[in-house]
Each structure stands twice: as C-alpha cells, then as structure tokens.
C-alpha cells in the first residue's frame, strides 16, 4: 500500500509541475506577443511566432526587466 501511495503522490507532483511549466510558458509567450505589439517590433513578433522557445525566453526576460 505504501508503494501505491508514493506513486500516486509522485504522479500528482509530476503532473502539477508539468502544468505549471506549460502554463508559465504560455504566459511568457503571450507576454512576448503583447510586448512586441506595444513596441511595434513586427519582425521580432514573427520570429517569436516561428520559434516558440525564443518567444518564451523573451517573455520571461520582460517579466524580470531584462527587456522592455
């Protein structure tokens, strides 16, 4: 029984972590889009749409004030 409980709790932690990462990535992507629209950076908006990880990095950078 203890093994099953450990698997269940580990599964919940894994699913929760994955959900947080996915939602955080989506939020960073939306931040990238909004930031590019506000600043008129159309080329960078297109690049971020084609290369999702770049948009996520830019969005997180905007959150922490690395880019405006």
C-alpha atoms as a PDB file:
ATOM      1  CA  UNK A   1       0.000   0.000   0.000  1.00  0.00           C
ATOM      2  CA  UNK A   2       2.790   2.453   0.781  1.00  0.00           C
ATOM      3  CA  UNK A   3       4.295   1.952  -2.668  1.00  0.00           C
ATOM      4  CA  UNK A   4       0.992   2.805  -4.340  1.00  0.00           C
ATOM      5  CA  UNK A   5       0.633   5.921  -2.201  1.00  0.00           C
ATOM      6  CA  UNK A   6       4.151   7.049  -3.138  1.00  0.00           C
ATOM      7  CA  UNK A   7       3.412   6.519  -6.834  1.00  0.00           C
ATOM      8  CA  UNK A   8       0.163   8.474  -6.578  1.00  0.00           C
ATOM      9  CA  UNK A   9       1.764  11.383  -4.755  1.00  0.00           C
ATOM     10  CA  UNK A  10       4.701  11.408  -7.163  1.00  0.00           C
ATOM     11  CA  UNK A  11       2.314  11.381 -10.103  1.00  0.00           C
ATOM     12  CA  UNK A  12       0.410  14.331  -8.726  1.00  0.00           C
ATOM     13  CA  UNK A  13       3.661  16.236  -8.187  1.00  0.00           C
ATOM     14  CA  UNK A  14       4.802  15.436 -11.728  1.00  0.00           C
ATOM     15  CA  UNK A  15       1.504  16.495 -13.267  1.00  0.00           C
ATOM     16  CA  UNK A  16       1.446  19.675 -11.176  1.00  0.00           C
ATOM     17  CA  UNK A  17       4.998  20.560 -12.199  1.00  0.00           C
ATOM     18  CA  UNK A  18       4.277  19.902 -15.869  1.00  0.00           C
ATOM     19  CA  UNK A  19       1.117  22.003 -15.696  1.00  0.00           C
ATOM     20  CA  UNK A  20       2.979  24.906 -14.084  1.00  0.00           C
ATOM     21  CA  UNK A  21       5.718  24.741 -16.742  1.00  0.00           C
ATOM     22  CA  UNK A  22       3.208  24.622 -19.608  1.00  0.00           C
ATOM     23  CA  UNK A  23       1.084  27.466 -18.220  1.00  0.00           C
ATOM     24  CA  UNK A  24       4.199  29.508 -17.445  1.00  0.00           C
ATOM     25  CA  UNK A  25       5.484  29.005 -20.977  1.00  0.00           C
ATOM     26  CA  UNK A  26       2.137  30.026 -22.437  1.00  0.00           C
ATOM     27  CA  UNK A  27       2.021  33.123 -20.223  1.00  0.00           C
ATOM     28  CA  UNK A  28       5.569  34.065 -21.281  1.00  0.00           C
ATOM     29  CA  UNK A  29       4.600  33.586 -24.947  1.00  0.00           C
ATOM     30  CA  UNK A  30       1.577  35.878 -24.505  1.00  0.00           C
ATOM     31  CA  UNK A  31       3.837  38.419 -22.773  1.00  0.00           C
ATOM     32  CA  UNK A  32       6.159  38.294 -25.792  1.00  0.00           C
ATOM     33  CA  UNK A  33       3.249  38.927 -28.167  1.00  0.00           C
ATOM     34  CA  UNK A  34       1.862  41.841 -26.138  1.00  0.00           C
ATOM     35  CA  UNK A  35       5.314  43.381 -25.702  1.00  0.00           C
ATOM     36  CA  UNK A  36       6.050  43.170 -29.422  1.00  0.00           C
ATOM     37  CA  UNK A  37       2.672  44.710 -30.318  1.00  0.00           C
ATOM     38  CA  UNK A  38       3.183  47.560 -27.866  1.00  0.00           C
ATOM     39  CA  UNK A  39       6.690  48.325 -29.095  1.00  0.00           C
ATOM     40  CA  UNK A  40       5.941  47.794 -32.796  1.00  0.00           C
ATOM     41  CA  UNK A  41       8.557  45.050 -33.140  1.00  0.00           C
ATOM     42  CA  UNK A  42       6.872  43.213 -36.007  1.00  0.00           C
ATOM     43  CA  UNK A  43       9.942  41.278 -37.126  1.00  0.00           C
ATOM     44  CA  UNK A  44      10.623  40.018 -33.626  1.00  0.00           C
ATOM     45  CA  UNK A  45       6.938  39.109 -33.275  1.00  0.00           C
ATOM     46  CA  UNK A  46       7.193  36.940 -36.387  1.00  0.00           C
ATOM     47  CA  UNK A  47      10.416  35.298 -35.202  1.00  0.00           C
ATOM     48  CA  UNK A  48       8.821  34.552 -31.823  1.00  0.00           C
ATOM     49  CA  UNK A  49       5.814  33.017 -33.544  1.00  0.00           C
ATOM     50  CA  UNK A  50       8.038  30.723 -35.601  1.00  0.00           C
ATOM     51  CA  UNK A  51      10.472  29.824 -32.807  1.00  0.00           C
ATOM     52  CA  UNK A  52       8.365  29.333 -29.672  1.00  0.00           C
ATOM     53  CA  UNK A  53      11.323  28.900 -27.235  1.00  0.00           C
ATOM     54  CA  UNK A  54      12.742  32.280 -28.249  1.00  0.00           C
ATOM     55  CA  UNK A  55       9.397  33.920 -27.512  1.00  0.00           C
ATOM     56  CA  UNK A  56       9.232  32.233 -24.102  1.00  0.00           C
ATOM     57  CA  UNK A  57      12.744  33.415 -23.218  1.00  0.00           C
ATOM     58  CA  UNK A  58      11.867  36.944 -24.305  1.00  0.00           C
ATOM     59  CA  UNK A  59       8.618  36.863 -22.303  1.00  0.00           C
ATOM     60  CA  UNK A  60      10.407  35.741 -19.153  1.00  0.00           C
ATOM     61  CA  UNK A  61      13.040  38.415 -19.757  1.00  0.00           C
ATOM     62  CA  UNK A  62      10.300  41.033 -19.926  1.00  0.00           C
ATOM     63  CA  UNK A  63       8.929  39.786 -16.589  1.00  0.00           C
ATOM     64  CA  UNK A  64      12.304  40.238 -14.900  1.00  0.00           C
ATOM     65  CA  UNK A  65      13.103  43.540 -16.612  1.00  0.00           C
ATOM     66  CA  UNK A  66      15.867  42.339 -18.927  1.00  0.00           C
ATOM     67  CA  UNK A  67      13.969  43.668 -21.966  1.00  0.00           C
ATOM     68  CA  UNK A  68      11.218  46.214 -22.207  1.00  0.00           C
END
